[in-house]
Amino acid sequence: MERRAFVLGLSTVVAAWPPRTRAEAAIRTIGLWWSPSQLNDGLFRYKQRLAQLGWSEDRNLRIQVRAWQGDMGTMREQASELLAMHPDVIVASSNPALAILKPLSGGVPVVFVFVADPVGSGFVESLAHPGGNITGFTNFEPAMGGKWLELLREAVPAMKSVLVLMHPETTAHKEFSRSIEAVAGSLQVEIVPAGVHNAVEIERAIADFAANHNGGVIALPHPVTEVHSDLIIQQATSHSLPTIFASATHASAGALITYGIVLAAALLQTTEYVDRILRGTKPADLPVQAPQTFELAVNLKTAKSLGLTIAPTLLARADEVIE
């Protein structure tokens, strides 16, 4: 009788336990497909945030990581590798990464980050109702191209020409370029576009420009300019050309100016969508979100090496001044 009572009591206790959800009962897999610098700067905090949301590698989560290097062939291989691991969701950064992943993903949910013009690029149907299996967070509206030109000209008032390093096959870059051209006339600045795909083309473009112009360089955000950012800064500086990038990390590396979204915050916000998707929400029901905050950084050390004096009004607006 005592044994029967014990078994019945144990059954009652077990029955009283809350049922485990499907998400808690199984190990889920997410793929992170970011740039090397994004992984170096943000992976640890990303895992911490996922753990706060209930997803940890020691309990119910498996994380597969790939770092793209800007080479399209290698990126296609990486996309196939991630999909072969049957992930429950992939977080992909950049337009090229998403362009490669979209036709291969099938029904695998994809959350994007650092993607410009997702509607015009054909990634989603609309921002409010993305449809399909893809949603995420944009980085820049097309008008940002003109803003980069205005900031560089403000920093270098005597500048009369600008080299725009772009990836010609990226739809968003065409929109950035139109925005730059629209502003260039009023600023009386000549625009010299240069389509680049690798380090060799970058070096050639900067050398050719420097031989005929005394101006500056706009590096449009892309895996090619991201991976080769140090090369761009070094080559431009050696030719006395000031540069503007979209990420504050490049100001620390020697770019004269950077203006763009806060990268760490942009990466972390994708965890909210990852969490909701792992718990059953469809990507089509999660609207694409636009950035709300931007940061401006100025490198005075670089300005000094270029013989430039940055206007106090520009420095006063900067979120970070590197001395």
C-alpha atoms as a PDB file:
ATOM      1  CA  MET A   1       0.000   0.000   0.000  1.00  0.00           C
ATOM      2  CA  GLU A   2       2.801   2.395   0.869  1.00  0.00           C
ATOM      3  CA  ARG A   3       4.474   1.693  -2.506  1.00  0.00           C
ATOM      4  CA  ARG A   4       1.191   2.286  -4.374  1.00  0.00           C
ATOM      5  CA  ALA A   5       0.695   5.540  -2.512  1.00  0.00           C
ATOM      6  CA  PHE A   6       4.224   6.646  -3.395  1.00  0.00           C
ATOM      7  CA  VAL A   7       3.729   5.907  -7.116  1.00  0.00           C
ATOM      8  CA  LEU A   8       0.384   7.674  -7.158  1.00  0.00           C
ATOM      9  CA  GLY A   9       1.892  10.660  -5.388  1.00  0.00           C
ATOM     10  CA  LEU A  10       4.795  10.804  -7.852  1.00  0.00           C
ATOM     11  CA  SER A  11       2.356  10.658 -10.763  1.00  0.00           C
ATOM     12  CA  THR A  12       0.454  13.572  -9.296  1.00  0.00           C
ATOM     13  CA  VAL A  13       3.618  15.641  -8.981  1.00  0.00           C
ATOM     14  CA  VAL A  14       4.729  14.867 -12.549  1.00  0.00           C
ATOM     15  CA  ALA A  15       1.287  15.713 -13.877  1.00  0.00           C
ATOM     16  CA  ALA A  16       1.490  19.029 -12.086  1.00  0.00           C
ATOM     17  CA  TRP A  17       4.696  20.030 -13.899  1.00  0.00           C
ATOM     18  CA  PRO A  18       4.014  22.492 -16.744  1.00  0.00           C
ATOM     19  CA  PRO A  19       4.343  20.819 -20.148  1.00  0.00           C
ATOM     20  CA  ARG A  20       7.532  21.641 -22.035  1.00  0.00           C
ATOM     21  CA  THR A  21       6.988  23.629 -25.161  1.00  0.00           C
ATOM     22  CA  ARG A  22       8.216  22.347 -28.499  1.00  0.00           C
ATOM     23  CA  ALA A  23      10.921  25.022 -28.488  1.00  0.00           C
ATOM     24  CA  GLU A  24      12.167  23.934 -25.055  1.00  0.00           C
ATOM     25  CA  ALA A  25      12.016  20.227 -25.788  1.00  0.00           C
ATOM     26  CA  ALA A  26      14.256  20.266 -28.889  1.00  0.00           C
ATOM     27  CA  ILE A  27      17.613  21.717 -29.759  1.00  0.00           C
ATOM     28  CA  ARG A  28      17.102  24.404 -32.352  1.00  0.00           C
ATOM     29  CA  THR A  29      19.684  25.499 -34.914  1.00  0.00           C
ATOM     30  CA  ILE A  30      20.364  29.027 -36.090  1.00  0.00           C
ATOM     31  CA  GLY A  31      22.877  30.109 -38.702  1.00  0.00           C
ATOM     32  CA  LEU A  32      24.744  33.400 -38.423  1.00  0.00           C
ATOM     33  CA  TRP A  33      26.188  34.689 -41.695  1.00  0.00           C
ATOM     34  CA  TRP A  34      27.984  37.939 -40.960  1.00  0.00           C
ATOM     35  CA  SER A  35      31.197  39.754 -41.813  1.00  0.00           C
ATOM     36  CA  PRO A  36      34.379  38.907 -39.867  1.00  0.00           C
ATOM     37  CA  SER A  37      34.308  42.240 -38.010  1.00  0.00           C
ATOM     38  CA  GLN A  38      30.643  41.792 -37.085  1.00  0.00           C
ATOM     39  CA  LEU A  39      31.416  38.381 -35.637  1.00  0.00           C
ATOM     40  CA  ASN A  40      34.463  39.647 -33.772  1.00  0.00           C
ATOM     41  CA  ASP A  41      32.639  42.619 -32.304  1.00  0.00           C
ATOM     42  CA  GLY A  42      29.167  41.234 -31.766  1.00  0.00           C
ATOM     43  CA  LEU A  43      29.013  37.432 -31.422  1.00  0.00           C
ATOM     44  CA  PHE A  44      29.592  37.269 -27.654  1.00  0.00           C
ATOM     45  CA  ARG A  45      26.921  39.861 -26.873  1.00  0.00           C
ATOM     46  CA  TYR A  46      24.597  38.197 -29.378  1.00  0.00           C
ATOM     47  CA  LYS A  47      24.833  34.879 -27.533  1.00  0.00           C
ATOM     48  CA  GLN A  48      24.261  36.674 -24.248  1.00  0.00           C
ATOM     49  CA  ARG A  49      21.080  38.275 -25.560  1.00  0.00           C
ATOM     50  CA  LEU A  50      19.806  34.971 -26.921  1.00  0.00           C
ATOM     51  CA  ALA A  51      20.402  33.409 -23.501  1.00  0.00           C
ATOM     52  CA  GLN A  52      18.346  36.172 -21.897  1.00  0.00           C
ATOM     53  CA  LEU A  53      15.532  35.233 -24.267  1.00  0.00           C
ATOM     54  CA  GLY A  54      15.775  31.571 -23.253  1.00  0.00           C
ATOM     55  CA  TRP A  55      18.125  30.169 -25.917  1.00  0.00           C
ATOM     56  CA  SER A  56      21.537  28.888 -24.834  1.00  0.00           C
ATOM     57  CA  GLU A  57      24.047  26.494 -26.381  1.00  0.00           C
ATOM     58  CA  ASP A  58      24.281  24.440 -23.195  1.00  0.00           C
ATOM     59  CA  ARG A  59      20.558  23.706 -23.223  1.00  0.00           C
ATOM     60  CA  ASN A  60      18.501  24.109 -26.380  1.00  0.00           C
ATOM     61  CA  LEU A  61      20.454  25.926 -29.086  1.00  0.00           C
ATOM     62  CA  ARG A  62      23.038  25.123 -31.735  1.00  0.00           C
ATOM     63  CA  ILE A  63      24.718  28.034 -33.527  1.00  0.00           C
ATOM     64  CA  GLN A  64      26.408  27.615 -36.905  1.00  0.00           C
ATOM     65  CA  VAL A  65      28.631  30.540 -37.894  1.00  0.00           C
ATOM     66  CA  ARG A  66      30.045  31.559 -41.256  1.00  0.00           C
ATOM     67  CA  ALA A  67      32.069  34.716 -42.006  1.00  0.00           C
ATOM     68  CA  TRP A  68      31.758  36.021 -45.540  1.00  0.00           C
ATOM     69  CA  GLN A  69      34.836  37.521 -47.180  1.00  0.00           C
ATOM     70  CA  GLY A  70      33.186  39.337 -50.078  1.00  0.00           C
ATOM     71  CA  ASP A  71      33.932  36.695 -52.725  1.00  0.00           C
ATOM     72  CA  MET A  72      30.656  35.722 -54.373  1.00  0.00           C
ATOM     73  CA  GLY A  73      31.768  32.173 -55.192  1.00  0.00           C
ATOM     74  CA  THR A  74      32.772  31.476 -51.611  1.00  0.00           C
ATOM     75  CA  MET A  75      29.579  33.071 -50.321  1.00  0.00           C
ATOM     76  CA  ARG A  76      27.464  30.702 -52.427  1.00  0.00           C
ATOM     77  CA  GLU A  77      29.333  27.759 -50.921  1.00  0.00           C
ATOM     78  CA  GLN A  78      28.747  29.110 -47.427  1.00  0.00           C
ATOM     79  CA  ALA A  79      25.038  29.555 -48.057  1.00  0.00           C
ATOM     80  CA  SER A  80      24.772  25.944 -49.205  1.00  0.00           C
ATOM     81  CA  GLU A  81      26.712  24.766 -46.155  1.00  0.00           C
ATOM     82  CA  LEU A  82      24.398  26.574 -43.767  1.00  0.00           C
ATOM     83  CA  LEU A  83      21.263  25.263 -45.459  1.00  0.00           C
ATOM     84  CA  ALA A  84      22.649  21.704 -45.417  1.00  0.00           C
ATOM     85  CA  MET A  85      22.615  21.928 -41.614  1.00  0.00           C
ATOM     86  CA  HIS A  86      18.811  22.313 -41.669  1.00  0.00           C
ATOM     87  CA  PRO A  87      18.679  25.504 -39.593  1.00  0.00           C
ATOM     88  CA  ASP A  88      15.465  26.721 -38.034  1.00  0.00           C
ATOM     89  CA  VAL A  89      16.422  30.294 -38.945  1.00  0.00           C
ATOM     90  CA  ILE A  90      19.355  32.106 -40.578  1.00  0.00           C
ATOM     91  CA  VAL A  91      20.491  35.636 -39.723  1.00  0.00           C
ATOM     92  CA  ALA A  92      22.233  37.098 -42.786  1.00  0.00           C
ATOM     93  CA  SER A  93      23.923  40.489 -43.106  1.00  0.00           C
ATOM     94  CA  SER A  94      24.316  42.513 -46.335  1.00  0.00           C
ATOM     95  CA  ASN A  95      22.480  42.698 -49.654  1.00  0.00           C
ATOM     96  CA  PRO A  96      24.767  40.221 -51.478  1.00  0.00           C
ATOM     97  CA  ALA A  97      24.393  37.602 -48.746  1.00  0.00           C
ATOM     98  CA  LEU A  98      20.611  37.887 -48.895  1.00  0.00           C
ATOM     99  CA  ALA A  99      20.594  37.867 -52.715  1.00  0.00           C
ATOM    100  CA  ILE A 100      22.518  34.590 -52.692  1.00  0.00           C
ATOM    101  CA  LEU A 101      20.459  33.058 -49.904  1.00  0.00           C
ATOM    102  CA  LYS A 102      16.971  33.961 -51.135  1.00  0.00           C
ATOM    103  CA  PRO A 103      16.688  31.554 -54.113  1.00  0.00           C
ATOM    104  CA  LEU A 104      18.340  28.738 -52.137  1.00  0.00           C
ATOM    105  CA  SER A 105      16.510  29.058 -48.830  1.00  0.00           C
ATOM    106  CA  GLY A 106      13.255  27.333 -49.743  1.00  0.00           C
ATOM    107  CA  GLY A 107      11.057  27.667 -46.667  1.00  0.00           C
ATOM    108  CA  VAL A 108      13.871  28.288 -44.178  1.00  0.00           C
ATOM    109  CA  PRO A 109      13.140  31.522 -42.272  1.00  0.00           C
ATOM    110  CA  VAL A 110      15.701  34.265 -42.880  1.00  0.00           C
ATOM    111  CA  VAL A 111      16.182  37.400 -40.782  1.00  0.00           C
ATOM    112  CA  PHE A 112      18.325  40.005 -42.513  1.00  0.00           C
ATOM    113  CA  VAL A 113      20.299  42.942 -41.167  1.00  0.00           C
ATOM    114  CA  PHE A 114      22.331  45.718 -42.851  1.00  0.00           C
ATOM    115  CA  VAL A 115      20.260  45.419 -46.024  1.00  0.00           C
ATOM    116  CA  ALA A 116      19.322  48.468 -48.098  1.00  0.00           C
ATOM    117  CA  ASP A 117      16.166  48.800 -50.208  1.00  0.00           C
ATOM    118  CA  PRO A 118      14.800  45.265 -49.567  1.00  0.00           C
ATOM    119  CA  VAL A 119      11.645  45.969 -51.582  1.00  0.00           C
ATOM    120  CA  GLY A 120      13.431  47.400 -54.628  1.00  0.00           C
ATOM    121  CA  SER A 121      15.954  44.574 -54.431  1.00  0.00           C
ATOM    122  CA  GLY A 122      13.155  42.012 -54.630  1.00  0.00           C
ATOM    123  CA  PHE A 123      13.749  40.475 -51.204  1.00  0.00           C
ATOM    124  CA  VAL A 124      10.327  41.254 -49.716  1.00  0.00           C
ATOM    125  CA  GLU A 125       6.934  42.294 -51.056  1.00  0.00           C
ATOM    126  CA  SER A 126       6.621  45.324 -48.772  1.00  0.00           C
ATOM    127  CA  LEU A 127       8.027  46.566 -45.473  1.00  0.00           C
ATOM    128  CA  ALA A 128       4.748  46.150 -43.593  1.00  0.00           C
ATOM    129  CA  HIS A 129       3.934  42.768 -45.134  1.00  0.00           C
ATOM    130  CA  PRO A 130       7.165  41.105 -46.286  1.00  0.00           C
ATOM    131  CA  GLY A 131       5.504  37.846 -47.341  1.00  0.00           C
ATOM    132  CA  GLY A 132       7.403  34.616 -47.873  1.00  0.00           C
ATOM    133  CA  ASN A 133      10.124  33.431 -45.511  1.00  0.00           C
ATOM    134  CA  ILE A 134      12.245  36.594 -45.265  1.00  0.00           C
ATOM    135  CA  THR A 135      12.074  39.636 -42.992  1.00  0.00           C
ATOM    136  CA  GLY A 136      14.491  41.770 -41.035  1.00  0.00           C
ATOM    137  CA  PHE A 137      16.051  45.186 -40.519  1.00  0.00           C
ATOM    138  CA  THR A 138      17.123  47.695 -43.145  1.00  0.00           C
ATOM    139  CA  ASN A 139      20.115  49.984 -42.864  1.00  0.00           C
ATOM    140  CA  PHE A 140      19.845  52.945 -45.267  1.00  0.00           C
ATOM    141  CA  GLU A 141      17.318  54.664 -47.471  1.00  0.00           C
ATOM    142  CA  PRO A 142      18.572  55.609 -50.970  1.00  0.00           C
ATOM    143  CA  ALA A 143      18.812  59.269 -49.894  1.00  0.00           C
ATOM    144  CA  MET A 144      21.701  58.335 -47.601  1.00  0.00           C
ATOM    145  CA  GLY A 145      24.000  58.463 -50.634  1.00  0.00           C
ATOM    146  CA  GLY A 146      23.493  62.209 -50.869  1.00  0.00           C
ATOM    147  CA  LYS A 147      23.978  62.563 -47.117  1.00  0.00           C
ATOM    148  CA  TRP A 148      27.411  60.899 -47.316  1.00  0.00           C
ATOM    149  CA  LEU A 149      28.439  63.325 -50.050  1.00  0.00           C
ATOM    150  CA  GLU A 150      27.198  66.325 -48.065  1.00  0.00           C
ATOM    151  CA  LEU A 151      29.130  65.269 -44.961  1.00  0.00           C
ATOM    152  CA  LEU A 152      32.349  64.656 -46.863  1.00  0.00           C
ATOM    153  CA  ARG A 153      32.035  68.020 -48.588  1.00  0.00           C
ATOM    154  CA  GLU A 154      31.336  69.715 -45.253  1.00  0.00           C
ATOM    155  CA  ALA A 155      34.531  68.210 -43.873  1.00  0.00           C
ATOM    156  CA  VAL A 156      36.501  69.144 -46.998  1.00  0.00           C
ATOM    157  CA  PRO A 157      34.965  72.362 -48.413  1.00  0.00           C
ATOM    158  CA  ALA A 158      37.569  72.626 -51.196  1.00  0.00           C
ATOM    159  CA  MET A 159      36.717  69.160 -52.542  1.00  0.00           C
ATOM    160  CA  LYS A 160      35.641  69.252 -56.197  1.00  0.00           C
ATOM    161  CA  SER A 161      35.473  65.553 -57.113  1.00  0.00           C
ATOM    162  CA  VAL A 162      34.538  62.289 -55.402  1.00  0.00           C
ATOM    163  CA  LEU A 163      35.305  58.668 -56.229  1.00  0.00           C
ATOM    164  CA  VAL A 164      32.356  56.421 -55.392  1.00  0.00           C
ATOM    165  CA  LEU A 165      33.401  52.810 -54.794  1.00  0.00           C
ATOM    166  CA  MET A 166      30.373  50.648 -55.522  1.00  0.00           C
ATOM    167  CA  HIS A 167      29.324  47.129 -56.455  1.00  0.00           C
ATOM    168  CA  PRO A 168      27.611  47.660 -59.827  1.00  0.00           C
ATOM    169  CA  GLU A 169      25.393  44.563 -59.599  1.00  0.00           C
ATOM    170  CA  THR A 170      23.847  45.618 -56.278  1.00  0.00           C
ATOM    171  CA  THR A 171      20.489  47.328 -56.817  1.00  0.00           C
ATOM    172  CA  ALA A 172      20.766  49.463 -53.684  1.00  0.00           C
ATOM    173  CA  HIS A 173      24.081  50.894 -54.894  1.00  0.00           C
ATOM    174  CA  LYS A 174      22.414  52.154 -58.040  1.00  0.00           C
ATOM    175  CA  GLU A 175      19.920  54.009 -55.841  1.00  0.00           C
ATOM    176  CA  PHE A 176      22.701  55.408 -53.640  1.00  0.00           C
ATOM    177  CA  SER A 177      24.498  56.600 -56.773  1.00  0.00           C
ATOM    178  CA  ARG A 178      21.405  58.392 -58.073  1.00  0.00           C
ATOM    179  CA  SER A 179      21.074  60.133 -54.711  1.00  0.00           C
ATOM    180  CA  ILE A 180      24.732  61.178 -54.800  1.00  0.00           C
ATOM    181  CA  GLU A 181      24.395  62.530 -58.339  1.00  0.00           C
ATOM    182  CA  ALA A 182      21.259  64.460 -57.373  1.00  0.00           C
ATOM    183  CA  VAL A 183      23.153  66.313 -54.630  1.00  0.00           C
ATOM    184  CA  ALA A 184      26.443  66.710 -56.529  1.00  0.00           C
ATOM    185  CA  GLY A 185      25.156  69.427 -58.845  1.00  0.00           C
ATOM    186  CA  SER A 186      24.208  71.840 -56.082  1.00  0.00           C
ATOM    187  CA  LEU A 187      27.558  71.204 -54.366  1.00  0.00           C
ATOM    188  CA  GLN A 188      29.461  71.592 -57.652  1.00  0.00           C
ATOM    189  CA  VAL A 189      31.210  68.268 -57.131  1.00  0.00           C
ATOM    190  CA  GLU A 190      32.131  65.898 -59.953  1.00  0.00           C
ATOM    191  CA  ILE A 191      31.186  62.267 -59.280  1.00  0.00           C
ATOM    192  CA  VAL A 192      33.439  59.461 -60.548  1.00  0.00           C
ATOM    193  CA  PRO A 193      31.729  56.056 -60.040  1.00  0.00           C
ATOM    194  CA  ALA A 194      33.910  52.951 -59.925  1.00  0.00           C
ATOM    195  CA  GLY A 195      32.491  49.446 -59.944  1.00  0.00           C
ATOM    196  CA  VAL A 196      34.687  47.137 -57.855  1.00  0.00           C
ATOM    197  CA  HIS A 197      34.625  43.428 -57.080  1.00  0.00           C
ATOM    198  CA  ASN A 198      38.023  42.742 -55.500  1.00  0.00           C
ATOM    199  CA  ALA A 199      41.220  44.249 -54.117  1.00  0.00           C
ATOM    200  CA  VAL A 200      42.860  44.638 -57.508  1.00  0.00           C
ATOM    201  CA  GLU A 201      39.970  46.688 -58.873  1.00  0.00           C
ATOM    202  CA  ILE A 202      39.885  48.816 -55.725  1.00  0.00           C
ATOM    203  CA  GLU A 203      43.596  49.664 -55.954  1.00  0.00           C
ATOM    204  CA  ARG A 204      43.291  50.463 -59.659  1.00  0.00           C
ATOM    205  CA  ALA A 205      40.236  52.668 -59.142  1.00  0.00           C
ATOM    206  CA  ILE A 206      41.870  54.724 -56.398  1.00  0.00           C
ATOM    207  CA  ALA A 207      45.168  55.075 -58.285  1.00  0.00           C
ATOM    208  CA  ASP A 208      43.428  56.151 -61.508  1.00  0.00           C
ATOM    209  CA  PHE A 209      41.268  58.654 -59.654  1.00  0.00           C
ATOM    210  CA  ALA A 210      44.188  60.111 -57.677  1.00  0.00           C
ATOM    211  CA  ALA A 211      46.187  60.640 -60.868  1.00  0.00           C
ATOM    212  CA  ASN A 212      43.540  62.968 -62.280  1.00  0.00           C
ATOM    213  CA  HIS A 213      41.624  64.382 -59.322  1.00  0.00           C
ATOM    214  CA  ASN A 214      42.149  66.034 -55.961  1.00  0.00           C
ATOM    215  CA  GLY A 215      39.068  64.934 -54.107  1.00  0.00           C
ATOM    216  CA  GLY A 216      37.650  62.316 -51.748  1.00  0.00           C
ATOM    217  CA  VAL A 217      36.291  58.773 -51.615  1.00  0.00           C
ATOM    218  CA  ILE A 218      32.860  57.422 -50.684  1.00  0.00           C
ATOM    219  CA  ALA A 219      32.914  53.680 -49.945  1.00  0.00           C
ATOM    220  CA  LEU A 220      29.341  52.399 -50.282  1.00  0.00           C
ATOM    221  CA  PRO A 221      28.498  49.655 -47.751  1.00  0.00           C
ATOM    222  CA  HIS A 222      29.009  46.185 -49.235  1.00  0.00           C
ATOM    223  CA  PRO A 223      30.973  43.008 -48.445  1.00  0.00           C
ATOM    224  CA  VAL A 224      33.644  44.064 -50.947  1.00  0.00           C
ATOM    225  CA  THR A 225      34.239  47.459 -49.317  1.00  0.00           C
ATOM    226  CA  GLU A 226      33.808  45.968 -45.834  1.00  0.00           C
ATOM    227  CA  VAL A 227      36.369  43.206 -46.261  1.00  0.00           C
ATOM    228  CA  HIS A 228      38.795  45.541 -48.045  1.00  0.00           C
ATOM    229  CA  SER A 229      38.153  48.597 -45.848  1.00  0.00           C
ATOM    230  CA  ASP A 230      41.724  48.689 -44.526  1.00  0.00           C
ATOM    231  CA  LEU A 231      43.030  48.586 -48.087  1.00  0.00           C
ATOM    232  CA  ILE A 232      40.701  51.409 -49.157  1.00  0.00           C
ATOM    233  CA  ILE A 233      41.726  53.592 -46.233  1.00  0.00           C
ATOM    234  CA  GLN A 234      45.440  52.887 -46.731  1.00  0.00           C
ATOM    235  CA  GLN A 235      45.371  53.516 -50.472  1.00  0.00           C
ATOM    236  CA  ALA A 236      43.237  56.636 -50.182  1.00  0.00           C
ATOM    237  CA  THR A 237      45.364  58.086 -47.389  1.00  0.00           C
ATOM    238  CA  SER A 238      48.563  57.439 -49.344  1.00  0.00           C
ATOM    239  CA  HIS A 239      47.087  59.591 -52.131  1.00  0.00           C
ATOM    240  CA  SER A 240      45.845  62.259 -49.652  1.00  0.00           C
ATOM    241  CA  LEU A 241      42.206  61.378 -50.315  1.00  0.00           C
ATOM    242  CA  PRO A 242      39.750  61.702 -47.381  1.00  0.00           C
ATOM    243  CA  THR A 243      37.260  58.845 -47.050  1.00  0.00           C
ATOM    244  CA  ILE A 244      33.748  58.365 -45.701  1.00  0.00           C
ATOM    245  CA  PHE A 245      32.306  54.982 -44.720  1.00  0.00           C
ATOM    246  CA  ALA A 246      28.994  53.870 -43.237  1.00  0.00           C
ATOM    247  CA  SER A 247      30.350  52.155 -40.113  1.00  0.00           C
ATOM    248  CA  ALA A 248      31.988  53.821 -37.105  1.00  0.00           C
ATOM    249  CA  THR A 249      34.449  50.935 -36.881  1.00  0.00           C
ATOM    250  CA  HIS A 250      36.115  52.340 -39.997  1.00  0.00           C
ATOM    251  CA  ALA A 251      36.696  55.707 -38.317  1.00  0.00           C
ATOM    252  CA  SER A 252      38.789  53.887 -35.732  1.00  0.00           C
ATOM    253  CA  ALA A 253      40.686  52.274 -38.613  1.00  0.00           C
ATOM    254  CA  GLY A 254      41.543  55.641 -40.184  1.00  0.00           C
ATOM    255  CA  ALA A 255      38.596  56.818 -42.274  1.00  0.00           C
ATOM    256  CA  LEU A 256      38.073  60.574 -41.972  1.00  0.00           C
ATOM    257  CA  ILE A 257      34.315  60.342 -41.402  1.00  0.00           C
ATOM    258  CA  THR A 258      31.715  57.644 -40.865  1.00  0.00           C
ATOM    259  CA  TYR A 259      27.961  58.010 -40.715  1.00  0.00           C
ATOM    260  CA  GLY A 260      25.518  55.169 -40.323  1.00  0.00           C
ATOM    261  CA  ILE A 261      23.489  52.981 -38.024  1.00  0.00           C
ATOM    262  CA  VAL A 262      24.811  51.683 -34.714  1.00  0.00           C
ATOM    263  CA  LEU A 263      26.092  48.264 -35.779  1.00  0.00           C
ATOM    264  CA  ALA A 264      26.034  46.550 -32.387  1.00  0.00           C
ATOM    265  CA  ALA A 265      22.445  47.620 -31.766  1.00  0.00           C
ATOM    266  CA  ALA A 266      21.383  46.550 -35.260  1.00  0.00           C
ATOM    267  CA  LEU A 267      22.775  43.066 -34.761  1.00  0.00           C
ATOM    268  CA  LEU A 268      21.217  42.637 -31.337  1.00  0.00           C
ATOM    269  CA  GLN A 269      17.736  43.663 -32.459  1.00  0.00           C
ATOM    270  CA  THR A 270      17.575  40.637 -34.763  1.00  0.00           C
ATOM    271  CA  THR A 271      17.519  38.380 -31.682  1.00  0.00           C
ATOM    272  CA  GLU A 272      13.946  39.492 -31.018  1.00  0.00           C
ATOM    273  CA  TYR A 273      12.836  38.185 -34.412  1.00  0.00           C
ATOM    274  CA  VAL A 274      14.911  35.007 -34.035  1.00  0.00           C
ATOM    275  CA  ASP A 275      13.205  34.340 -30.709  1.00  0.00           C
ATOM    276  CA  ARG A 276       9.729  34.886 -32.129  1.00  0.00           C
ATOM    277  CA  ILE A 277      10.400  32.673 -35.148  1.00  0.00           C
ATOM    278  CA  LEU A 278      11.765  29.864 -32.988  1.00  0.00           C
ATOM    279  CA  ARG A 279       8.564  30.089 -30.946  1.00  0.00           C
ATOM    280  CA  GLY A 280       6.363  29.748 -34.016  1.00  0.00           C
ATOM    281  CA  THR A 281       5.856  33.183 -35.585  1.00  0.00           C
ATOM    282  CA  LYS A 282       6.106  33.255 -39.375  1.00  0.00           C
ATOM    283  CA  PRO A 283       8.555  35.725 -40.973  1.00  0.00           C
ATOM    284  CA  ALA A 284       5.710  36.970 -43.187  1.00  0.00           C
ATOM    285  CA  ASP A 285       3.980  38.255 -40.044  1.00  0.00           C
ATOM    286  CA  LEU A 286       7.005  40.264 -38.861  1.00  0.00           C
ATOM    287  CA  PRO A 287       7.284  43.679 -40.561  1.00  0.00           C
ATOM    288  CA  VAL A 288      10.617  44.894 -41.877  1.00  0.00           C
ATOM    289  CA  GLN A 289      11.940  47.578 -39.548  1.00  0.00           C
ATOM    290  CA  ALA A 290      13.983  50.662 -40.412  1.00  0.00           C
ATOM    291  CA  PRO A 291      16.770  52.072 -38.210  1.00  0.00           C
ATOM    292  CA  GLN A 292      15.895  54.835 -35.782  1.00  0.00           C
ATOM    293  CA  THR A 293      19.325  56.079 -34.702  1.00  0.00           C
ATOM    294  CA  PHE A 294      22.510  56.975 -36.574  1.00  0.00           C
ATOM    295  CA  GLU A 295      26.003  57.848 -35.406  1.00  0.00           C
ATOM    296  CA  LEU A 296      28.553  60.271 -36.807  1.00  0.00           C
ATOM    297  CA  ALA A 297      32.266  59.782 -36.137  1.00  0.00           C
ATOM    298  CA  VAL A 298      35.200  62.006 -37.109  1.00  0.00           C
ATOM    299  CA  ASN A 299      38.867  61.018 -36.954  1.00  0.00           C
ATOM    300  CA  LEU A 300      40.912  64.135 -36.151  1.00  0.00           C
ATOM    301  CA  LYS A 301      44.155  62.176 -36.360  1.00  0.00           C
ATOM    302  CA  THR A 302      43.365  61.379 -39.985  1.00  0.00           C
ATOM    303  CA  ALA A 303      42.323  64.985 -40.607  1.00  0.00           C
ATOM    304  CA  LYS A 304      45.678  66.191 -39.301  1.00  0.00           C
ATOM    305  CA  SER A 305      47.599  63.737 -41.497  1.00  0.00           C
ATOM    306  CA  LEU A 306      45.668  65.059 -44.515  1.00  0.00           C
ATOM    307  CA  GLY A 307      46.255  68.679 -43.562  1.00  0.00           C
ATOM    308  CA  LEU A 308      42.558  69.311 -42.913  1.00  0.00           C
ATOM    309  CA  THR A 309      40.828  71.406 -40.281  1.00  0.00           C
ATOM    310  CA  ILE A 310      37.380  70.108 -39.450  1.00  0.00           C
ATOM    311  CA  ALA A 311      34.743  72.778 -38.857  1.00  0.00           C
ATOM    312  CA  PRO A 312      33.638  73.116 -35.204  1.00  0.00           C
ATOM    313  CA  THR A 313      29.998  72.843 -36.279  1.00  0.00           C
ATOM    314  CA  LEU A 314      30.662  69.369 -37.697  1.00  0.00           C
ATOM    315  CA  LEU A 315      32.625  68.278 -34.633  1.00  0.00           C
ATOM    316  CA  ALA A 316      29.807  69.485 -32.388  1.00  0.00           C
ATOM    317  CA  ARG A 317      27.374  67.123 -34.135  1.00  0.00           C
ATOM    318  CA  ALA A 318      29.688  64.115 -33.961  1.00  0.00           C
ATOM    319  CA  ASP A 319      28.825  61.258 -31.621  1.00  0.00           C
ATOM    320  CA  GLU A 320      32.484  60.259 -31.524  1.00  0.00           C
ATOM    321  CA  VAL A 321      35.634  62.280 -32.168  1.00  0.00           C
ATOM    322  CA  ILE A 322      38.830  60.261 -32.455  1.00  0.00           C
ATOM    323  CA  GLU A 323      41.934  62.158 -31.388  1.00  0.00           C
END
